[in-house]
Amino acid sequence: MEKNFLTLNQLPIGSQSKVKQLVSDGSTRRRMLDLGLIHDTTIKSLIKSPAGDPVAYEIRGAVIALRSEESSQILVELIHQ
């Protein structure tokens, strides 16, 4: 893993990042691509569920919830604000 990248599930709530790589394959990868998680897409972590999993993210104007097992397969670069 690149030293400047972190997995999406490590992104602090309220932070923005850009998608850099999908580590998953098969149907999971296809689902992520269908959701718009392509290279350099901006993604913002919004809120964690009371149990901590899943987390809601804003992607291309839509809000989606991803479980930690899915978001751990998405490498992102933090956008410094």
N, C-alpha and C. Protein backbone atom coordinates (compact mmCIF):
# COMPACT_ATOMS: atom_id res chain seq x y z
N MET A 1 0.85 -1.19 0.00
CA MET A 1 0.00 0.00 0.00
C MET A 1 0.89 1.24 0.00
N GLU A 2 0.53 2.25 -0.78
CA GLU A 2 1.26 3.51 -0.81
C GLU A 2 1.25 4.15 0.56
N LYS A 3 2.34 4.83 0.90
CA LYS A 3 2.43 5.43 2.22
C LYS A 3 1.45 6.58 2.43
N ASN A 4 1.04 7.26 1.37
CA ASN A 4 0.10 8.37 1.50
C ASN A 4 -1.36 7.93 1.45
N PHE A 5 -1.60 6.68 1.17
CA PHE A 5 -2.96 6.19 1.03
C PHE A 5 -3.42 5.54 2.33
N LEU A 6 -4.73 5.56 2.54
CA LEU A 6 -5.33 4.82 3.63
C LEU A 6 -6.56 4.14 3.09
N THR A 7 -7.09 3.19 3.83
CA THR A 7 -8.31 2.54 3.37
C THR A 7 -9.48 3.42 3.76
N LEU A 8 -10.55 3.32 3.02
CA LEU A 8 -11.72 4.17 3.24
C LEU A 8 -12.27 4.02 4.65
N ASN A 9 -12.21 2.82 5.21
CA ASN A 9 -12.74 2.63 6.57
C ASN A 9 -11.87 3.32 7.63
N GLN A 10 -10.68 3.79 7.27
CA GLN A 10 -9.83 4.54 8.18
C GLN A 10 -10.05 6.05 8.09
N LEU A 11 -10.86 6.49 7.14
CA LEU A 11 -11.11 7.91 6.94
C LEU A 11 -11.92 8.48 8.10
N PRO A 12 -11.40 9.53 8.76
CA PRO A 12 -12.16 10.12 9.87
C PRO A 12 -13.50 10.71 9.40
N ILE A 13 -14.50 10.65 10.25
CA ILE A 13 -15.82 11.21 9.94
C ILE A 13 -15.67 12.71 9.67
N GLY A 14 -16.30 13.17 8.59
CA GLY A 14 -16.24 14.57 8.21
C GLY A 14 -15.10 14.89 7.26
N SER A 15 -14.24 13.92 6.98
CA SER A 15 -13.10 14.14 6.09
C SER A 15 -13.45 13.78 4.65
N GLN A 16 -12.71 14.40 3.74
CA GLN A 16 -12.88 14.10 2.32
C GLN A 16 -11.62 13.45 1.79
N SER A 17 -11.80 12.63 0.78
CA SER A 17 -10.67 11.95 0.15
C SER A 17 -10.99 11.73 -1.32
N LYS A 18 -9.97 11.25 -2.03
CA LYS A 18 -10.14 10.86 -3.43
C LYS A 18 -9.81 9.39 -3.56
N VAL A 19 -10.64 8.68 -4.30
CA VAL A 19 -10.41 7.25 -4.54
C VAL A 19 -9.16 7.09 -5.40
N LYS A 20 -8.28 6.19 -4.98
CA LYS A 20 -7.05 5.93 -5.72
C LYS A 20 -6.99 4.52 -6.29
N GLN A 21 -7.57 3.54 -5.60
CA GLN A 21 -7.50 2.17 -6.11
C GLN A 21 -8.54 1.30 -5.42
N LEU A 22 -9.11 0.37 -6.18
CA LEU A 22 -9.98 -0.66 -5.63
C LEU A 22 -9.16 -1.94 -5.54
N VAL A 23 -9.10 -2.52 -4.35
CA VAL A 23 -8.32 -3.74 -4.14
C VAL A 23 -9.17 -4.98 -4.39
N SER A 24 -10.47 -4.83 -4.36
CA SER A 24 -11.39 -5.97 -4.52
C SER A 24 -11.45 -6.43 -5.98
N ASP A 25 -12.08 -7.58 -6.19
CA ASP A 25 -12.29 -8.08 -7.54
C ASP A 25 -13.66 -8.74 -7.63
N GLY A 26 -13.99 -9.19 -8.81
CA GLY A 26 -15.26 -9.89 -9.02
C GLY A 26 -16.47 -8.99 -8.85
N SER A 27 -17.53 -9.55 -8.27
CA SER A 27 -18.80 -8.83 -8.15
C SER A 27 -18.70 -7.65 -7.18
N THR A 28 -17.84 -7.76 -6.18
CA THR A 28 -17.66 -6.64 -5.24
C THR A 28 -17.04 -5.45 -5.98
N ARG A 29 -16.04 -5.71 -6.79
CA ARG A 29 -15.41 -4.63 -7.57
C ARG A 29 -16.42 -4.01 -8.53
N ARG A 30 -17.21 -4.84 -9.19
CA ARG A 30 -18.22 -4.34 -10.12
C ARG A 30 -19.22 -3.44 -9.40
N ARG A 31 -19.64 -3.84 -8.19
CA ARG A 31 -20.59 -3.03 -7.43
C ARG A 31 -19.99 -1.68 -7.07
N MET A 32 -18.73 -1.67 -6.66
CA MET A 32 -18.06 -0.41 -6.31
C MET A 32 -17.97 0.52 -7.53
N LEU A 33 -17.62 -0.05 -8.67
CA LEU A 33 -17.55 0.75 -9.89
C LEU A 33 -18.94 1.29 -10.27
N ASP A 34 -19.96 0.46 -10.11
CA ASP A 34 -21.34 0.89 -10.40
C ASP A 34 -21.79 2.02 -9.49
N LEU A 35 -21.27 2.05 -8.26
CA LEU A 35 -21.60 3.12 -7.32
C LEU A 35 -20.85 4.42 -7.63
N GLY A 36 -19.94 4.36 -8.58
CA GLY A 36 -19.19 5.56 -8.96
C GLY A 36 -17.84 5.68 -8.31
N LEU A 37 -17.38 4.62 -7.69
CA LEU A 37 -16.08 4.65 -7.02
C LEU A 37 -14.96 4.37 -8.03
N ILE A 38 -14.67 5.38 -8.84
CA ILE A 38 -13.61 5.26 -9.82
C ILE A 38 -12.48 6.21 -9.43
N HIS A 39 -11.34 6.07 -10.06
CA HIS A 39 -10.14 6.85 -9.74
C HIS A 39 -10.44 8.35 -9.67
N ASP A 40 -9.98 8.97 -8.61
CA ASP A 40 -10.09 10.42 -8.34
C ASP A 40 -11.49 10.91 -8.01
N THR A 41 -12.43 10.01 -7.75
CA THR A 41 -13.75 10.42 -7.30
C THR A 41 -13.64 10.92 -5.86
N THR A 42 -14.25 12.07 -5.57
CA THR A 42 -14.25 12.61 -4.21
C THR A 42 -15.29 11.87 -3.38
N ILE A 43 -14.90 11.52 -2.18
CA ILE A 43 -15.79 10.82 -1.26
C ILE A 43 -15.64 11.43 0.12
N LYS A 44 -16.76 11.61 0.82
CA LYS A 44 -16.75 12.21 2.15
C LYS A 44 -17.43 11.26 3.13
N SER A 45 -16.79 11.03 4.26
CA SER A 45 -17.42 10.20 5.30
C SER A 45 -18.36 11.10 6.10
N LEU A 46 -19.59 10.63 6.26
CA LEU A 46 -20.61 11.46 6.89
C LEU A 46 -20.90 11.07 8.33
N ILE A 47 -21.27 9.81 8.54
CA ILE A 47 -21.71 9.39 9.88
C ILE A 47 -21.58 7.88 10.02
N LYS A 48 -21.25 7.46 11.24
CA LYS A 48 -21.21 6.03 11.54
C LYS A 48 -22.54 5.63 12.14
N SER A 49 -22.93 4.40 11.91
CA SER A 49 -24.14 3.88 12.56
C SER A 49 -23.83 3.75 14.05
N PRO A 50 -24.84 3.65 14.90
CA PRO A 50 -24.61 3.52 16.34
C PRO A 50 -23.68 2.35 16.70
N ALA A 51 -23.72 1.28 15.94
CA ALA A 51 -22.86 0.14 16.21
C ALA A 51 -21.47 0.32 15.60
N GLY A 52 -21.27 1.37 14.80
CA GLY A 52 -19.98 1.64 14.19
C GLY A 52 -19.81 1.09 12.79
N ASP A 53 -20.72 0.27 12.35
CA ASP A 53 -20.64 -0.33 11.02
C ASP A 53 -22.05 -0.60 10.52
N PRO A 54 -22.50 -0.10 9.40
CA PRO A 54 -21.77 0.57 8.33
C PRO A 54 -21.56 2.06 8.58
N VAL A 55 -20.88 2.70 7.64
CA VAL A 55 -20.63 4.14 7.65
C VAL A 55 -21.27 4.72 6.40
N ALA A 56 -21.90 5.89 6.54
CA ALA A 56 -22.50 6.58 5.39
C ALA A 56 -21.45 7.48 4.75
N TYR A 57 -21.40 7.43 3.42
CA TYR A 57 -20.46 8.24 2.64
C TYR A 57 -21.24 8.99 1.56
N GLU A 58 -20.76 10.20 1.24
CA GLU A 58 -21.33 10.95 0.12
C GLU A 58 -20.41 10.76 -1.08
N ILE A 59 -21.00 10.25 -2.16
CA ILE A 59 -20.26 9.99 -3.39
C ILE A 59 -21.07 10.54 -4.55
N ARG A 60 -20.52 11.49 -5.26
CA ARG A 60 -21.18 12.07 -6.45
C ARG A 60 -22.60 12.54 -6.15
N GLY A 61 -22.81 13.15 -4.99
CA GLY A 61 -24.11 13.69 -4.64
C GLY A 61 -25.08 12.70 -4.03
N ALA A 62 -24.71 11.44 -3.94
CA ALA A 62 -25.56 10.41 -3.35
C ALA A 62 -24.94 9.96 -2.02
N VAL A 63 -25.79 9.52 -1.12
CA VAL A 63 -25.32 8.98 0.16
C VAL A 63 -25.48 7.47 0.12
N ILE A 64 -24.37 6.76 0.38
CA ILE A 64 -24.41 5.30 0.40
C ILE A 64 -23.79 4.82 1.71
N ALA A 65 -24.20 3.65 2.14
CA ALA A 65 -23.64 3.04 3.35
C ALA A 65 -22.78 1.85 2.92
N LEU A 66 -21.57 1.81 3.45
CA LEU A 66 -20.67 0.69 3.16
C LEU A 66 -20.22 0.06 4.47
N ARG A 67 -20.20 -1.25 4.48
CA ARG A 67 -19.67 -1.98 5.63
C ARG A 67 -18.14 -1.90 5.62
N SER A 68 -17.56 -2.10 6.77
CA SER A 68 -16.11 -2.02 6.91
C SER A 68 -15.40 -3.01 5.99
N GLU A 69 -15.96 -4.20 5.82
CA GLU A 69 -15.31 -5.20 4.95
C GLU A 69 -15.23 -4.72 3.51
N GLU A 70 -16.20 -3.90 3.07
CA GLU A 70 -16.17 -3.35 1.72
C GLU A 70 -15.25 -2.13 1.64
N SER A 71 -15.41 -1.22 2.60
CA SER A 71 -14.63 0.02 2.55
C SER A 71 -13.14 -0.21 2.83
N SER A 72 -12.79 -1.35 3.42
CA SER A 72 -11.38 -1.65 3.65
C SER A 72 -10.67 -2.03 2.36
N GLN A 73 -11.42 -2.25 1.29
CA GLN A 73 -10.85 -2.63 0.00
C GLN A 73 -10.75 -1.46 -0.97
N ILE A 74 -10.94 -0.23 -0.45
CA ILE A 74 -10.87 0.97 -1.26
C ILE A 74 -9.76 1.85 -0.72
N LEU A 75 -8.73 2.08 -1.53
CA LEU A 75 -7.63 2.94 -1.12
C LEU A 75 -7.94 4.38 -1.52
N VAL A 76 -7.76 5.29 -0.56
CA VAL A 76 -8.07 6.70 -0.80
C VAL A 76 -6.90 7.57 -0.36
N GLU A 77 -6.89 8.79 -0.86
CA GLU A 77 -5.90 9.79 -0.47
C GLU A 77 -6.66 10.93 0.20
N LEU A 78 -6.27 11.28 1.40
CA LEU A 78 -6.91 12.34 2.16
C LEU A 78 -6.74 13.67 1.45
N ILE A 79 -7.82 14.44 1.37
CA ILE A 79 -7.77 15.79 0.80
C ILE A 79 -7.57 16.75 1.95
N HIS A 80 -6.50 17.50 1.93
CA HIS A 80 -6.23 18.45 3.01
C HIS A 80 -7.05 19.70 2.77
N GLN A 81 -7.83 20.07 3.76
CA GLN A 81 -8.75 21.21 3.61
C GLN A 81 -8.26 22.40 4.37
